[in-house]
Amino acid sequence: MSSRRSKKIKRVLKNIIDIDIDNNNRFKEFERNNNENIDENFDKKGELQKIQCNSDVFLDKVKVILSYTYKFFKFIFSVTGVYLLWIFLHYFASHLYVKLCVPNTVIGFLMSPFMTATPHCQGLRWVVYNAANMINNMWIICGSFICSTILKITPQTTTRTSS
């Protein structure tokens, strides 16, 4: 740093906080007194150890929560990954079928009886049909699971009263 710039910074600091940078004994003394007061306050009550202990416990709890969250999302993705694949296949196969097998033109209309017999159109139709069935089954499974968890049926015991 140039000496001219450092002199200017020193002058600005002296004007702002009334501390002489070259002769900063007052600042060092102030800092030392504050640090001693802080250390005495913490040592008197043992707060520093409590804060460190609480922060370690907190970090351990956060780590446990994050590990369970990671495991949960990994499980959810492994279960729903197959269904996401079927949704992806259904979407793109539907669009490809319209684009390749039944174009939206007069020639597409005239060619559609011939195009439906081609292997790629049959394959796309198969993907669309089976993917739609898998998506329907997925909704049935999700609905059944939600209903079974919400509507827990507990057996009620009946007592007979003697007459």
N, C-alpha and C. Protein backbone atom coordinates (compact mmCIF):
# COMPACT_ATOMS: atom_id res chain seq x y z
N MET A 1 0.84 -1.16 0.00
CA MET A 1 0.00 0.00 0.00
C MET A 1 0.90 1.23 0.00
N SER A 2 0.54 2.22 -0.76
CA SER A 2 1.38 3.42 -0.84
C SER A 2 1.28 4.21 0.47
N SER A 3 2.34 4.93 0.75
CA SER A 3 2.38 5.68 2.01
C SER A 3 1.36 6.81 2.00
N ARG A 4 1.11 7.37 0.85
CA ARG A 4 0.13 8.45 0.74
C ARG A 4 -1.27 7.93 1.06
N ARG A 5 -1.58 6.78 0.53
CA ARG A 5 -2.88 6.18 0.77
C ARG A 5 -3.01 5.77 2.24
N SER A 6 -1.98 5.18 2.83
CA SER A 6 -2.05 4.77 4.22
C SER A 6 -2.19 5.98 5.14
N LYS A 7 -1.51 7.10 4.82
CA LYS A 7 -1.66 8.31 5.62
C LYS A 7 -3.09 8.83 5.55
N LYS A 8 -3.67 8.75 4.37
CA LYS A 8 -5.05 9.21 4.20
C LYS A 8 -6.01 8.33 5.00
N ILE A 9 -5.81 7.01 4.97
CA ILE A 9 -6.66 6.09 5.72
C ILE A 9 -6.51 6.34 7.22
N LYS A 10 -5.28 6.57 7.67
CA LYS A 10 -5.04 6.85 9.09
C LYS A 10 -5.75 8.13 9.51
N ARG A 11 -5.68 9.14 8.66
CA ARG A 11 -6.32 10.41 8.98
C ARG A 11 -7.85 10.25 9.05
N VAL A 12 -8.41 9.51 8.13
CA VAL A 12 -9.86 9.28 8.12
C VAL A 12 -10.27 8.51 9.36
N LEU A 13 -9.52 7.47 9.69
CA LEU A 13 -9.85 6.69 10.89
C LEU A 13 -9.72 7.54 12.15
N LYS A 14 -8.72 8.38 12.20
CA LYS A 14 -8.54 9.24 13.38
C LYS A 14 -9.72 10.18 13.52
N ASN A 15 -10.19 10.73 12.41
CA ASN A 15 -11.33 11.63 12.46
C ASN A 15 -12.62 10.90 12.83
N ILE A 16 -12.79 9.68 12.34
CA ILE A 16 -14.03 8.95 12.57
C ILE A 16 -14.10 8.40 13.99
N ILE A 17 -13.09 7.67 14.40
CA ILE A 17 -13.18 6.98 15.70
C ILE A 17 -12.23 7.53 16.73
N ASP A 18 -11.57 8.62 16.42
CA ASP A 18 -10.68 9.30 17.36
C ASP A 18 -9.63 8.36 17.92
N ILE A 19 -8.99 7.60 17.04
CA ILE A 19 -7.91 6.69 17.43
C ILE A 19 -6.72 6.99 16.54
N ASP A 20 -5.60 7.19 17.15
CA ASP A 20 -4.37 7.41 16.42
C ASP A 20 -3.79 6.03 16.08
N ILE A 21 -3.70 5.71 14.80
CA ILE A 21 -3.26 4.39 14.38
C ILE A 21 -1.81 4.15 14.76
N ASP A 22 -0.95 5.16 14.61
CA ASP A 22 0.45 4.97 14.95
C ASP A 22 0.66 4.83 16.45
N ASN A 23 -0.14 5.51 17.21
CA ASN A 23 0.01 5.48 18.66
C ASN A 23 -1.30 4.98 19.25
N ASN A 24 -1.59 3.70 19.06
CA ASN A 24 -2.91 3.18 19.40
C ASN A 24 -2.91 2.43 20.73
N ASN A 25 -2.21 2.93 21.69
CA ASN A 25 -2.20 2.29 23.01
C ASN A 25 -3.58 2.31 23.64
N ARG A 26 -4.29 3.45 23.45
CA ARG A 26 -5.63 3.53 24.03
C ARG A 26 -6.53 2.45 23.43
N PHE A 27 -6.41 2.22 22.12
CA PHE A 27 -7.24 1.21 21.46
C PHE A 27 -6.89 -0.19 21.97
N LYS A 28 -5.59 -0.49 22.10
CA LYS A 28 -5.17 -1.80 22.60
C LYS A 28 -5.65 -2.01 24.03
N GLU A 29 -5.56 -0.95 24.84
CA GLU A 29 -6.00 -1.06 26.22
C GLU A 29 -7.51 -1.30 26.28
N PHE A 30 -8.24 -0.56 25.45
CA PHE A 30 -9.69 -0.74 25.40
C PHE A 30 -10.05 -2.17 24.98
N GLU A 31 -9.37 -2.68 23.95
CA GLU A 31 -9.62 -4.04 23.46
C GLU A 31 -9.28 -5.07 24.53
N ARG A 32 -8.14 -4.89 25.23
CA ARG A 32 -7.74 -5.83 26.27
C ARG A 32 -8.75 -5.83 27.42
N ASN A 33 -9.19 -4.63 27.83
CA ASN A 33 -10.18 -4.54 28.91
C ASN A 33 -11.48 -5.21 28.54
N ASN A 34 -11.93 -5.00 27.31
CA ASN A 34 -13.18 -5.63 26.87
C ASN A 34 -13.05 -7.14 26.82
N ASN A 35 -11.93 -7.64 26.30
CA ASN A 35 -11.72 -9.08 26.24
C ASN A 35 -11.67 -9.69 27.63
N GLU A 36 -11.01 -8.99 28.57
CA GLU A 36 -10.95 -9.50 29.94
C GLU A 36 -12.34 -9.54 30.55
N ASN A 37 -13.13 -8.47 30.31
CA ASN A 37 -14.49 -8.45 30.85
C ASN A 37 -15.33 -9.58 30.27
N ILE A 38 -15.18 -9.80 28.98
CA ILE A 38 -15.94 -10.87 28.34
C ILE A 38 -15.51 -12.21 28.91
N ASP A 39 -14.19 -12.44 29.02
CA ASP A 39 -13.70 -13.71 29.54
C ASP A 39 -14.14 -13.91 30.99
N GLU A 40 -14.09 -12.83 31.80
CA GLU A 40 -14.51 -12.95 33.19
C GLU A 40 -15.99 -13.30 33.28
N ASN A 41 -16.81 -12.64 32.45
CA ASN A 41 -18.25 -12.92 32.49
C ASN A 41 -18.53 -14.36 32.10
N PHE A 42 -17.85 -14.85 31.08
CA PHE A 42 -18.08 -16.22 30.65
C PHE A 42 -17.55 -17.20 31.69
N ASP A 43 -16.37 -16.92 32.23
CA ASP A 43 -15.78 -17.84 33.19
C ASP A 43 -16.56 -17.86 34.49
N LYS A 44 -17.13 -16.73 34.90
CA LYS A 44 -17.89 -16.70 36.13
C LYS A 44 -19.07 -17.65 36.06
N LYS A 45 -19.78 -17.64 35.00
CA LYS A 45 -21.00 -18.44 34.91
C LYS A 45 -20.79 -19.74 34.14
N GLY A 46 -19.64 -19.92 33.57
CA GLY A 46 -19.40 -21.13 32.78
C GLY A 46 -20.20 -21.14 31.49
N GLU A 47 -20.56 -19.95 31.03
CA GLU A 47 -21.42 -19.86 29.85
C GLU A 47 -20.72 -20.32 28.59
N LEU A 48 -19.43 -20.06 28.53
CA LEU A 48 -18.71 -20.44 27.32
C LEU A 48 -18.77 -21.94 27.10
N GLN A 49 -18.58 -22.71 28.17
CA GLN A 49 -18.65 -24.16 28.04
C GLN A 49 -20.07 -24.61 27.68
N LYS A 50 -21.07 -23.95 28.27
CA LYS A 50 -22.45 -24.31 27.95
C LYS A 50 -22.77 -24.04 26.50
N ILE A 51 -22.31 -22.90 26.00
CA ILE A 51 -22.58 -22.56 24.61
C ILE A 51 -21.89 -23.55 23.68
N GLN A 52 -20.64 -23.90 23.99
CA GLN A 52 -19.92 -24.86 23.15
C GLN A 52 -20.61 -26.22 23.20
N CYS A 53 -21.04 -26.62 24.38
CA CYS A 53 -21.70 -27.92 24.53
C CYS A 53 -23.03 -27.92 23.78
N ASN A 54 -23.80 -26.83 23.93
CA ASN A 54 -25.09 -26.74 23.24
C ASN A 54 -24.91 -26.70 21.74
N SER A 55 -23.87 -26.03 21.25
CA SER A 55 -23.66 -25.97 19.81
C SER A 55 -23.27 -27.35 19.27
N ASP A 56 -22.49 -28.13 20.04
CA ASP A 56 -22.14 -29.48 19.61
C ASP A 56 -23.38 -30.36 19.56
N VAL A 57 -24.23 -30.26 20.56
CA VAL A 57 -25.46 -31.05 20.59
C VAL A 57 -26.35 -30.65 19.42
N PHE A 58 -26.46 -29.35 19.19
CA PHE A 58 -27.28 -28.86 18.08
C PHE A 58 -26.76 -29.38 16.75
N LEU A 59 -25.44 -29.30 16.54
CA LEU A 59 -24.86 -29.77 15.28
C LEU A 59 -25.06 -31.28 15.11
N ASP A 60 -24.95 -32.02 16.20
CA ASP A 60 -25.19 -33.46 16.12
C ASP A 60 -26.63 -33.75 15.73
N LYS A 61 -27.57 -32.99 16.30
CA LYS A 61 -28.98 -33.19 15.95
C LYS A 61 -29.24 -32.83 14.50
N VAL A 62 -28.62 -31.76 14.02
CA VAL A 62 -28.78 -31.37 12.62
C VAL A 62 -28.22 -32.45 11.70
N LYS A 63 -27.08 -33.02 12.07
CA LYS A 63 -26.49 -34.09 11.25
C LYS A 63 -27.40 -35.31 11.20
N VAL A 64 -27.99 -35.66 12.33
CA VAL A 64 -28.90 -36.81 12.37
C VAL A 64 -30.12 -36.54 11.51
N ILE A 65 -30.68 -35.34 11.63
CA ILE A 65 -31.86 -34.98 10.83
C ILE A 65 -31.53 -35.02 9.35
N LEU A 66 -30.39 -34.47 8.98
CA LEU A 66 -30.00 -34.48 7.56
C LEU A 66 -29.76 -35.88 7.04
N SER A 67 -29.18 -36.76 7.86
CA SER A 67 -28.95 -38.13 7.40
C SER A 67 -30.28 -38.85 7.19
N TYR A 68 -31.24 -38.65 8.12
CA TYR A 68 -32.55 -39.27 7.93
C TYR A 68 -33.28 -38.68 6.73
N THR A 69 -33.14 -37.37 6.52
CA THR A 69 -33.77 -36.74 5.37
C THR A 69 -33.19 -37.28 4.07
N TYR A 70 -31.87 -37.46 4.03
CA TYR A 70 -31.23 -38.02 2.84
C TYR A 70 -31.73 -39.44 2.58
N LYS A 71 -31.79 -40.26 3.64
CA LYS A 71 -32.27 -41.63 3.49
C LYS A 71 -33.71 -41.65 3.02
N PHE A 72 -34.54 -40.73 3.55
CA PHE A 72 -35.95 -40.67 3.18
C PHE A 72 -36.09 -40.34 1.70
N PHE A 73 -35.39 -39.30 1.23
CA PHE A 73 -35.50 -38.92 -0.17
C PHE A 73 -34.92 -39.98 -1.09
N LYS A 74 -33.88 -40.65 -0.65
CA LYS A 74 -33.31 -41.74 -1.44
C LYS A 74 -34.32 -42.88 -1.58
N PHE A 75 -35.02 -43.20 -0.49
CA PHE A 75 -36.05 -44.24 -0.52
C PHE A 75 -37.21 -43.82 -1.43
N ILE A 76 -37.67 -42.57 -1.26
CA ILE A 76 -38.79 -42.08 -2.08
C ILE A 76 -38.42 -42.11 -3.55
N PHE A 77 -37.19 -41.69 -3.88
CA PHE A 77 -36.79 -41.71 -5.29
C PHE A 77 -36.69 -43.13 -5.82
N SER A 78 -36.21 -44.06 -4.98
CA SER A 78 -36.11 -45.44 -5.45
C SER A 78 -37.49 -46.04 -5.69
N VAL A 79 -38.47 -45.65 -4.87
CA VAL A 79 -39.83 -46.17 -5.04
C VAL A 79 -40.51 -45.48 -6.21
N THR A 80 -40.40 -44.18 -6.29
CA THR A 80 -41.12 -43.44 -7.33
C THR A 80 -40.34 -43.33 -8.63
N GLY A 81 -39.09 -43.75 -8.64
CA GLY A 81 -38.29 -43.64 -9.85
C GLY A 81 -38.89 -44.39 -11.02
N VAL A 82 -39.44 -45.56 -10.77
CA VAL A 82 -40.06 -46.36 -11.84
C VAL A 82 -41.29 -45.64 -12.38
N TYR A 83 -42.09 -45.07 -11.46
CA TYR A 83 -43.28 -44.36 -11.90
C TYR A 83 -42.93 -43.08 -12.65
N LEU A 84 -41.88 -42.41 -12.22
CA LEU A 84 -41.44 -41.22 -12.95
C LEU A 84 -40.98 -41.59 -14.36
N LEU A 85 -40.35 -42.75 -14.48
CA LEU A 85 -39.94 -43.22 -15.80
C LEU A 85 -41.16 -43.47 -16.69
N TRP A 86 -42.21 -44.09 -16.14
CA TRP A 86 -43.42 -44.35 -16.93
C TRP A 86 -44.10 -43.04 -17.32
N ILE A 87 -44.12 -42.06 -16.42
CA ILE A 87 -44.71 -40.76 -16.76
C ILE A 87 -43.93 -40.10 -17.88
N PHE A 88 -42.61 -40.14 -17.78
CA PHE A 88 -41.73 -39.59 -18.81
C PHE A 88 -41.98 -40.29 -20.16
N LEU A 89 -42.03 -41.62 -20.15
CA LEU A 89 -42.26 -42.38 -21.40
C LEU A 89 -43.63 -42.06 -22.00
N HIS A 90 -44.66 -41.97 -21.15
CA HIS A 90 -46.00 -41.69 -21.65
C HIS A 90 -46.05 -40.33 -22.32
N TYR A 91 -45.46 -39.33 -21.70
CA TYR A 91 -45.49 -37.99 -22.24
C TYR A 91 -44.81 -37.92 -23.60
N PHE A 92 -43.59 -38.44 -23.68
CA PHE A 92 -42.86 -38.33 -24.94
C PHE A 92 -43.38 -39.27 -26.01
N ALA A 93 -43.85 -40.44 -25.62
CA ALA A 93 -44.41 -41.36 -26.64
C ALA A 93 -45.68 -40.78 -27.23
N SER A 94 -46.50 -40.11 -26.41
CA SER A 94 -47.73 -39.49 -26.94
C SER A 94 -47.39 -38.41 -27.96
N HIS A 95 -46.43 -37.58 -27.63
CA HIS A 95 -46.06 -36.51 -28.57
C HIS A 95 -45.39 -37.06 -29.82
N LEU A 96 -44.57 -38.08 -29.66
CA LEU A 96 -43.93 -38.68 -30.84
C LEU A 96 -44.96 -39.37 -31.73
N TYR A 97 -45.95 -40.02 -31.14
CA TYR A 97 -46.98 -40.70 -31.94
C TYR A 97 -47.74 -39.69 -32.79
N VAL A 98 -48.11 -38.56 -32.22
CA VAL A 98 -48.82 -37.54 -32.98
C VAL A 98 -47.93 -36.98 -34.08
N LYS A 99 -46.67 -36.79 -33.77
CA LYS A 99 -45.77 -36.18 -34.75
C LYS A 99 -45.40 -37.16 -35.88
N LEU A 100 -45.14 -38.43 -35.52
CA LEU A 100 -44.65 -39.39 -36.52
C LEU A 100 -45.74 -40.20 -37.21
N CYS A 101 -46.80 -40.52 -36.48
CA CYS A 101 -47.77 -41.48 -37.03
C CYS A 101 -49.06 -40.83 -37.53
N VAL A 102 -49.48 -39.76 -36.94
CA VAL A 102 -50.71 -39.08 -37.38
C VAL A 102 -50.46 -37.57 -37.45
N PRO A 103 -49.65 -37.11 -38.41
CA PRO A 103 -49.39 -35.68 -38.53
C PRO A 103 -50.68 -34.90 -38.79
N ASN A 104 -50.69 -33.65 -38.39
CA ASN A 104 -51.87 -32.81 -38.48
C ASN A 104 -51.95 -32.12 -39.85
N THR A 105 -51.97 -32.92 -40.90
CA THR A 105 -52.09 -32.40 -42.26
C THR A 105 -53.03 -33.31 -43.03
N VAL A 106 -53.39 -32.88 -44.23
CA VAL A 106 -54.24 -33.71 -45.09
C VAL A 106 -53.49 -34.97 -45.49
N ILE A 107 -52.21 -34.84 -45.79
CA ILE A 107 -51.41 -36.01 -46.15
C ILE A 107 -51.28 -36.94 -44.95
N GLY A 108 -51.15 -36.37 -43.76
CA GLY A 108 -51.10 -37.18 -42.54
C GLY A 108 -52.37 -37.97 -42.35
N PHE A 109 -53.51 -37.34 -42.66
CA PHE A 109 -54.80 -38.04 -42.58
C PHE A 109 -54.86 -39.18 -43.58
N LEU A 110 -54.39 -38.94 -44.79
CA LEU A 110 -54.43 -39.97 -45.83
C LEU A 110 -53.43 -41.09 -45.54
N MET A 111 -52.30 -40.77 -44.90
CA MET A 111 -51.27 -41.76 -44.62
C MET A 111 -51.50 -42.52 -43.31
N SER A 112 -52.39 -42.05 -42.44
CA SER A 112 -52.55 -42.66 -41.12
C SER A 112 -52.94 -44.14 -41.16
N PRO A 113 -53.79 -44.62 -42.11
CA PRO A 113 -54.06 -46.07 -42.13
C PRO A 113 -52.82 -46.91 -42.43
N PHE A 114 -51.92 -46.35 -43.21
CA PHE A 114 -50.70 -47.08 -43.54
C PHE A 114 -49.66 -46.96 -42.42
N MET A 115 -49.64 -45.81 -41.78
CA MET A 115 -48.65 -45.57 -40.73
C MET A 115 -48.94 -46.36 -39.45
N THR A 116 -50.20 -46.66 -39.17
CA THR A 116 -50.52 -47.38 -37.93
C THR A 116 -49.93 -48.79 -37.92
N ALA A 117 -49.64 -49.34 -39.08
CA ALA A 117 -49.08 -50.70 -39.15
C ALA A 117 -47.56 -50.71 -39.06
N THR A 118 -46.93 -49.56 -39.08
CA THR A 118 -45.46 -49.53 -39.02
C THR A 118 -44.97 -49.87 -37.61
N PRO A 119 -43.79 -50.47 -37.51
CA PRO A 119 -43.29 -50.92 -36.19
C PRO A 119 -43.12 -49.79 -35.18
N HIS A 120 -42.62 -48.64 -35.62
CA HIS A 120 -42.41 -47.57 -34.64
C HIS A 120 -43.74 -47.03 -34.10
N CYS A 121 -44.77 -46.98 -34.93
CA CYS A 121 -46.07 -46.51 -34.44
C CYS A 121 -46.71 -47.54 -33.50
N GLN A 122 -46.55 -48.83 -33.82
CA GLN A 122 -47.06 -49.87 -32.91
C GLN A 122 -46.33 -49.82 -31.56
N GLY A 123 -45.03 -49.61 -31.61
CA GLY A 123 -44.27 -49.51 -30.37
C GLY A 123 -44.67 -48.30 -29.55
N LEU A 124 -44.87 -47.17 -30.22
CA LEU A 124 -45.30 -45.97 -29.49
C LEU A 124 -46.69 -46.14 -28.89
N ARG A 125 -47.59 -46.80 -29.64
CA ARG A 125 -48.93 -47.07 -29.10
C ARG A 125 -48.85 -47.97 -27.88
N TRP A 126 -47.98 -48.99 -27.94
CA TRP A 126 -47.81 -49.88 -26.79
C TRP A 126 -47.31 -49.12 -25.57
N VAL A 127 -46.32 -48.24 -25.78
CA VAL A 127 -45.78 -47.45 -24.67
C VAL A 127 -46.86 -46.54 -24.09
N VAL A 128 -47.64 -45.88 -24.95
CA VAL A 128 -48.68 -44.97 -24.46
C VAL A 128 -49.72 -45.75 -23.66
N TYR A 129 -50.15 -46.90 -24.17
CA TYR A 129 -51.19 -47.69 -23.50
C TYR A 129 -50.68 -48.22 -22.15
N ASN A 130 -49.53 -48.85 -22.15
CA ASN A 130 -49.02 -49.44 -20.91
C ASN A 130 -48.59 -48.37 -19.89
N ALA A 131 -48.05 -47.27 -20.37
CA ALA A 131 -47.69 -46.20 -19.45
C ALA A 131 -48.93 -45.60 -18.81
N ALA A 132 -50.00 -45.45 -19.57
CA ALA A 132 -51.25 -44.94 -19.01
C ALA A 132 -51.79 -45.90 -17.95
N ASN A 133 -51.72 -47.21 -18.21
CA ASN A 133 -52.17 -48.18 -17.21
C ASN A 133 -51.31 -48.13 -15.95
N MET A 134 -49.99 -47.98 -16.11
CA MET A 134 -49.12 -47.89 -14.94
C MET A 134 -49.40 -46.63 -14.13
N ILE A 135 -49.67 -45.52 -14.81
CA ILE A 135 -49.99 -44.28 -14.10
C ILE A 135 -51.31 -44.44 -13.34
N ASN A 136 -52.29 -45.10 -13.96
CA ASN A 136 -53.56 -45.37 -13.26
C ASN A 136 -53.31 -46.23 -12.03
N ASN A 137 -52.52 -47.27 -12.18
CA ASN A 137 -52.21 -48.14 -11.05
C ASN A 137 -51.47 -47.38 -9.95
N MET A 138 -50.59 -46.47 -10.36
CA MET A 138 -49.87 -45.66 -9.39
C MET A 138 -50.84 -44.84 -8.55
N TRP A 139 -51.84 -44.23 -9.19
CA TRP A 139 -52.82 -43.43 -8.44
C TRP A 139 -53.66 -44.30 -7.52
N ILE A 140 -53.99 -45.50 -7.96
CA ILE A 140 -54.75 -46.41 -7.09
C ILE A 140 -53.92 -46.79 -5.87
N ILE A 141 -52.64 -47.09 -6.08
CA ILE A 141 -51.76 -47.45 -4.95
C ILE A 141 -51.59 -46.27 -4.00
N CYS A 142 -51.36 -45.08 -4.55
CA CYS A 142 -51.20 -43.89 -3.68
C CYS A 142 -52.48 -43.62 -2.91
N GLY A 143 -53.62 -43.69 -3.56
CA GLY A 143 -54.89 -43.46 -2.88
C GLY A 143 -55.15 -44.48 -1.80
N SER A 144 -54.85 -45.75 -2.09
CA SER A 144 -55.03 -46.80 -1.08
C SER A 144 -54.11 -46.59 0.11
N PHE A 145 -52.88 -46.20 -0.15
CA PHE A 145 -51.94 -45.96 0.95
C PHE A 145 -52.39 -44.80 1.81
N ILE A 146 -52.82 -43.71 1.17
CA ILE A 146 -53.28 -42.54 1.92
C ILE A 146 -54.52 -42.89 2.75
N CYS A 147 -55.45 -43.59 2.14
CA CYS A 147 -56.66 -43.97 2.89
C CYS A 147 -56.33 -44.91 4.04
N SER A 148 -55.39 -45.82 3.83
CA SER A 148 -55.07 -46.76 4.90
C SER A 148 -54.33 -46.08 6.05
N THR A 149 -53.57 -45.04 5.76
CA THR A 149 -52.88 -44.35 6.84
C THR A 149 -53.78 -43.34 7.53
N ILE A 150 -54.70 -42.72 6.80
CA ILE A 150 -55.60 -41.74 7.41
C ILE A 150 -56.69 -42.45 8.21
N LEU A 151 -57.25 -43.47 7.62
CA LEU A 151 -58.37 -44.15 8.26
C LEU A 151 -57.90 -45.41 8.97
N LYS A 152 -57.22 -45.23 10.04
CA LYS A 152 -56.78 -46.39 10.82
C LYS A 152 -58.00 -46.96 11.53
N ILE A 153 -58.31 -48.20 11.26
CA ILE A 153 -59.45 -48.84 11.90
C ILE A 153 -58.94 -49.61 13.10
N THR A 154 -59.41 -49.22 14.25
CA THR A 154 -59.02 -49.92 15.47
C THR A 154 -60.22 -50.70 15.97
N PRO A 155 -60.00 -51.94 16.35
CA PRO A 155 -61.15 -52.73 16.84
C PRO A 155 -61.63 -52.18 18.18
N GLN A 156 -62.95 -52.09 18.28
CA GLN A 156 -63.52 -51.59 19.52
C GLN A 156 -64.03 -52.79 20.31
N THR A 157 -63.76 -52.74 21.58
CA THR A 157 -64.23 -53.83 22.43
C THR A 157 -65.57 -53.44 23.02
N THR A 158 -66.47 -54.37 22.99
CA THR A 158 -67.79 -54.11 23.56
C THR A 158 -67.89 -54.87 24.87
N THR A 159 -68.50 -54.25 25.82
CA THR A 159 -68.69 -54.90 27.12
C THR A 159 -70.15 -55.15 27.33
N ARG A 160 -70.44 -56.30 27.88
CA ARG A 160 -71.84 -56.65 28.15
C ARG A 160 -72.14 -56.25 29.59
N THR A 161 -73.28 -55.72 29.73
CA THR A 161 -73.71 -55.41 31.08
C THR A 161 -74.63 -56.51 31.58
N SER A 162 -74.45 -56.89 32.79
CA SER A 162 -75.30 -57.96 33.32
C SER A 162 -76.62 -57.36 33.77
N SER A 163 -77.68 -58.09 33.47
CA SER A 163 -79.01 -57.59 33.83
C SER A 163 -79.58 -58.28 35.03
